[in-house]
N, C-alpha and C. Protein backbone atom coordinates (compact mmCIF):
# COMPACT_ATOMS: atom_id res chain seq x y z
N MET A 1 0.85 -1.13 -0.39
CA MET A 1 -0.16 0.17 0.28
C MET A 1 0.58 1.27 0.31
N ALA A 2 0.25 1.70 -0.56
CA ALA A 2 1.28 3.25 -0.56
C ALA A 2 0.80 4.51 0.48
N ALA A 3 2.06 4.54 0.59
CA ALA A 3 1.48 5.68 2.17
C ALA A 3 0.95 6.87 1.50
N LYS A 4 -0.04 7.56 1.97
CA LYS A 4 -1.20 9.21 2.27
C LYS A 4 -0.17 9.96 2.24
N ARG A 5 0.10 10.97 1.46
CA ARG A 5 0.54 12.05 1.77
C ARG A 5 -0.28 13.38 2.23
N ARG A 6 -0.05 13.74 3.09
CA ARG A 6 -0.78 15.07 3.95
C ARG A 6 -0.42 16.23 2.42
N SER A 7 -1.84 17.02 2.11
CA SER A 7 -1.44 18.21 1.80
C SER A 7 -0.57 19.61 3.13
N THR A 8 0.14 19.85 2.45
CA THR A 8 1.04 21.21 3.79
C THR A 8 -0.19 22.41 3.25
N ALA A 9 -1.21 22.76 2.15
CA ALA A 9 -2.12 23.51 2.02
C ALA A 9 -3.41 23.28 2.97
N LYS A 10 -3.45 24.58 3.28
CA LYS A 10 -5.52 24.32 3.49
C LYS A 10 -5.67 24.74 3.16
N PRO A 11 -7.05 23.40 3.22
CA PRO A 11 -8.45 23.59 2.46
C PRO A 11 -9.09 24.35 2.68
N ARG A 12 -9.45 24.14 1.05
CA ARG A 12 -9.93 25.63 1.01
C ARG A 12 -11.65 25.10 1.24
N LYS A 13 -12.17 26.91 1.52
CA LYS A 13 -13.81 27.17 2.38
C LYS A 13 -14.44 26.33 1.11
N ALA A 14 -15.61 26.13 1.10
CA ALA A 14 -16.63 25.47 0.44
C ALA A 14 -17.23 27.04 0.09
N CYS A 15 -17.56 28.07 1.00
CA CYS A 15 -18.40 29.29 0.74
C CYS A 15 -17.19 30.19 -0.73
N CYS A 16 -15.85 29.53 -0.20
CA CYS A 16 -14.43 30.39 -1.72
C CYS A 16 -15.25 29.50 -2.60
N MET A 17 -14.98 28.46 -2.60
CA MET A 17 -15.34 27.58 -3.33
C MET A 17 -16.91 27.61 -4.61
N VAL A 18 -17.33 28.14 -3.25
CA VAL A 18 -18.44 28.37 -4.02
C VAL A 18 -19.12 30.16 -4.85
N SER A 19 -18.18 30.53 -4.06
CA SER A 19 -18.40 32.25 -5.01
C SER A 19 -16.81 31.92 -6.06
N GLU A 20 -16.53 31.40 -6.00
CA GLU A 20 -15.58 31.22 -7.69
C GLU A 20 -16.18 30.54 -8.11
N MET A 21 -17.10 29.88 -8.13
CA MET A 21 -18.17 28.98 -9.02
C MET A 21 -19.20 29.71 -9.92
N LEU A 22 -20.08 30.65 -8.62
CA LEU A 22 -20.79 32.15 -9.76
C LEU A 22 -19.83 32.18 -10.31
N GLU A 23 -18.64 33.58 -10.41
CA GLU A 23 -18.13 34.35 -10.55
C GLU A 23 -17.70 33.70 -12.34
N GLU A 24 -17.15 32.37 -11.94
CA GLU A 24 -16.90 31.53 -13.05
C GLU A 24 -18.37 31.45 -13.83
N MET A 25 -19.18 31.30 -13.36
CA MET A 25 -20.33 31.10 -14.39
C MET A 25 -21.40 32.90 -14.77
N GLY A 26 -21.07 33.53 -14.04
CA GLY A 26 -20.80 35.41 -15.11
C GLY A 26 -21.66 35.82 -14.30
N LEU A 27 -21.99 35.11 -12.03
CA LEU A 27 -23.12 35.67 -11.80
C LEU A 27 -22.07 36.47 -10.25
N ASP A 28 -22.12 37.45 -10.36
CA ASP A 28 -21.11 38.04 -9.45
C ASP A 28 -22.26 38.44 -8.10
N ARG A 29 -21.63 38.60 -6.79
CA ARG A 29 -22.39 38.94 -6.17
C ARG A 29 -23.91 39.95 -5.83
N GLU A 30 -23.46 41.14 -6.12
CA GLU A 30 -24.54 41.83 -7.15
C GLU A 30 -26.16 40.99 -7.32
N ARG A 31 -25.66 40.42 -8.83
CA ARG A 31 -26.89 40.12 -9.12
C ARG A 31 -26.81 38.82 -8.91
N THR A 32 -26.38 38.46 -7.94
CA THR A 32 -27.00 37.12 -7.05
C THR A 32 -28.05 37.45 -6.01
N ARG A 33 -27.56 38.56 -5.85
CA ARG A 33 -28.05 39.02 -4.84
C ARG A 33 -29.72 40.07 -5.18
N ALA A 34 -29.31 40.22 -6.38
CA ALA A 34 -30.41 41.37 -7.12
C ALA A 34 -31.81 39.30 -7.71
N LEU A 35 -31.45 38.55 -7.93
CA LEU A 35 -32.12 37.43 -8.28
C LEU A 35 -32.87 36.20 -7.25
N ARG A 36 -31.80 36.63 -5.90
CA ARG A 36 -32.80 35.85 -4.53
C ARG A 36 -33.80 37.15 -4.39
N ARG A 37 -33.74 38.58 -4.20
CA ARG A 37 -34.35 40.00 -3.85
C ARG A 37 -35.95 38.95 -4.65
N GLN A 38 -35.41 39.10 -6.27
CA GLN A 38 -36.68 38.99 -7.13
C GLN A 38 -37.12 37.89 -6.76
N VAL A 39 -36.58 36.21 -6.70
CA VAL A 39 -37.09 35.32 -6.01
C VAL A 39 -38.13 35.49 -4.77
N LEU A 40 -37.73 36.48 -3.99
CA LEU A 40 -38.37 36.36 -2.74
C LEU A 40 -39.63 37.19 -2.63
N GLN A 41 -39.34 38.35 -3.27
CA GLN A 41 -40.88 39.37 -3.83
C GLN A 41 -41.35 38.18 -5.06
N GLY A 42 -41.72 37.28 -5.33
CA GLY A 42 -41.73 36.90 -5.64
C GLY A 42 -43.40 35.66 -5.44
N VAL A 43 -42.78 35.02 -4.16
CA VAL A 43 -42.76 33.99 -3.75
C VAL A 43 -43.54 34.84 -2.57
N MET A 44 -43.09 36.19 -2.69
CA MET A 44 -44.68 37.30 -1.45
C MET A 44 -45.72 37.88 -2.01
N LEU A 45 -45.23 37.81 -3.49
CA LEU A 45 -46.41 37.93 -4.08
C LEU A 45 -47.96 36.72 -4.51
N MET A 46 -46.87 35.49 -4.49
CA MET A 46 -48.23 34.59 -4.92
C MET A 46 -48.64 33.89 -3.56
N CYS A 47 -48.24 35.02 -2.42
CA CYS A 47 -48.61 34.43 -1.32
C CYS A 47 -49.75 35.79 -1.16
N GLN A 48 -49.74 36.83 -0.77
CA GLN A 48 -50.76 37.29 -0.88
C GLN A 48 -51.57 37.80 -1.83
N TRP A 49 -51.43 36.97 -3.09
CA TRP A 49 -52.79 36.56 -3.96
C TRP A 49 -53.16 35.22 -3.31
N GLN A 50 -52.95 34.06 -3.04
CA GLN A 50 -53.28 33.15 -2.11
C GLN A 50 -54.27 33.68 -0.70
N LEU A 51 -53.36 34.15 -0.31
CA LEU A 51 -55.23 34.91 0.71
C LEU A 51 -55.86 35.79 0.34
N GLU A 52 -55.74 36.35 -0.46
CA GLU A 52 -56.99 37.44 -1.15
C GLU A 52 -58.04 36.54 -2.05
N ARG A 53 -57.79 35.45 -2.09
CA ARG A 53 -58.56 34.50 -2.79
C ARG A 53 -59.17 33.10 -1.66
N MET A 54 -58.39 33.21 -0.54
CA MET A 54 -58.77 32.74 1.03
C MET A 54 -60.15 33.74 0.84
N GLU A 55 -60.17 35.03 1.12
CA GLU A 55 -60.61 35.78 1.78
C GLU A 55 -61.80 36.06 0.80
N ASP A 56 -61.63 36.05 -0.43
CA ASP A 56 -63.17 36.30 -1.21
C ASP A 56 -63.55 35.34 -1.93
N ALA A 57 -63.32 34.03 -1.45
CA ALA A 57 -64.28 32.95 -2.11
C ALA A 57 -65.36 32.99 -1.11
N PRO A 58 -66.39 32.37 -1.16
CA PRO A 58 -67.70 32.54 -0.65
C PRO A 58 -67.83 31.11 0.13
N ARG A 59 -67.88 31.00 1.42
CA ARG A 59 -68.10 29.50 2.24
C ARG A 59 -68.88 28.74 2.30
N PRO A 60 -68.56 28.33 2.45
CA PRO A 60 -69.79 26.49 1.63
C PRO A 60 -70.63 26.48 2.97
N ARG A 61 -72.45 26.28 2.69
CA ARG A 61 -73.05 26.44 3.97
C ARG A 61 -72.66 24.41 4.46
N ARG A 62 -73.30 25.05 5.27
CA ARG A 62 -73.25 23.33 6.32
C ARG A 62 -74.42 22.92 6.09
N ARG A 63 -74.64 21.72 5.99
CA ARG A 63 -76.17 21.27 5.58
C ARG A 63 -75.89 20.39 6.46
N ARG A 64 -77.66 19.92 6.95
CA ARG A 64 -77.83 19.10 8.01
C ARG A 64 -78.11 17.96 7.88
N ALA A 65 -78.13 17.17 7.94
CA ALA A 65 -78.20 15.34 7.88
C ALA A 65 -79.87 15.37 7.64
N ARG A 66 -80.16 14.67 6.72
CA ARG A 66 -81.29 13.89 6.97
C ARG A 66 -81.90 13.33 7.61
N ARG A 67 -83.42 13.54 8.09
CA ARG A 67 -83.73 12.38 8.94
C ARG A 67 -84.18 11.56 8.28
N VAL A 68 -84.08 9.99 8.31
CA VAL A 68 -84.65 8.99 7.61
C VAL A 68 -85.28 7.81 8.05
N GLU A 69 -86.50 8.02 7.85
CA GLU A 69 -87.57 5.81 8.48
C GLU A 69 -86.58 5.65 8.32
N VAL A 70 -86.52 4.57 9.03
CA VAL A 70 -86.31 3.13 8.84
C VAL A 70 -86.83 2.35 9.69
N ASP A 71 -87.57 1.26 8.71
CA ASP A 71 -88.41 0.28 8.82
C ASP A 71 -87.80 -0.96 10.28
């Protein structure tokens, strides 16, 4: 078996690697932040729309059970 070598360099942090990947894809911090903001605003808008639909919807009337005679 070959002996394992240990790297003397510090391991890279995951957050730094993600930042580098985003930069390579053409997404800088400001662009990413703007996209995140747009997504969150879209989710908020959808939730508000759902709440308005719930408030405007007519409530179903409760039906009473029918009395049936059994022989």
